[in-house]
Amino acid sequence: MADYEHGSMDVTTHEKDYGRFVQFSGWVCFVVFLVLVFLAIFNG
């Protein structure tokens, strides 16, 4: 444990995966919104 230096880990893969997760979450929210609008219009 003594060999570790704070901030020395390569996190580029983690940042890329997190970006994809945020983008995917945005798309899911958009699709859910569209489904709710569809149900509000045609389930009246």
Protein backbone atom coordinates (compact mmCIF):
# COMPACT_ATOMS: atom_id res chain seq x y z
CA MET A 1 0.00 0.00 0.00
CA ALA A 2 2.88 2.38 0.58
CA ASP A 3 3.78 2.39 -3.15
CA TYR A 4 0.52 4.04 -4.18
CA GLU A 5 0.53 7.76 -4.95
CA HIS A 6 -2.75 9.64 -4.97
CA GLY A 7 -3.74 10.67 -8.51
CA SER A 8 -1.38 8.28 -10.31
CA MET A 9 -4.02 5.84 -11.56
CA ASP A 10 -5.04 5.94 -15.23
CA VAL A 11 -8.77 6.71 -15.30
CA THR A 12 -9.33 7.35 -19.02
CA THR A 13 -11.31 4.12 -19.47
CA HIS A 14 -13.41 4.90 -16.42
CA GLU A 15 -14.18 8.42 -17.70
CA LYS A 16 -15.17 7.06 -21.12
CA ASP A 17 -17.46 4.43 -19.59
CA TYR A 18 -19.03 7.02 -17.29
CA GLY A 19 -19.69 9.27 -20.29
CA ARG A 20 -21.42 6.40 -22.06
CA PHE A 21 -23.48 5.68 -18.94
CA VAL A 22 -24.62 9.30 -18.71
CA GLN A 23 -25.49 9.34 -22.42
CA PHE A 24 -27.41 6.06 -22.09
CA SER A 25 -29.29 7.41 -19.06
CA GLY A 26 -30.27 10.48 -21.05
CA TRP A 27 -31.64 8.34 -23.87
CA VAL A 28 -33.60 6.19 -21.41
CA CYS A 29 -35.18 9.29 -19.85
CA PHE A 30 -36.08 10.57 -23.32
CA VAL A 31 -37.71 7.26 -24.31
CA VAL A 32 -39.65 7.09 -21.04
CA PHE A 33 -40.86 10.64 -21.62
CA LEU A 34 -42.03 9.73 -25.14
CA VAL A 35 -43.86 6.66 -23.83
CA LEU A 36 -45.61 8.75 -21.18
CA VAL A 37 -46.67 11.34 -23.76
CA PHE A 38 -47.91 8.58 -26.06
CA LEU A 39 -49.94 7.06 -23.23
CA ALA A 40 -51.37 10.44 -22.23
CA ILE A 41 -52.50 11.16 -25.79
CA PHE A 42 -53.89 7.79 -26.83
CA ASN A 43 -55.13 6.38 -23.54
CA GLY A 44 -57.49 9.27 -22.86
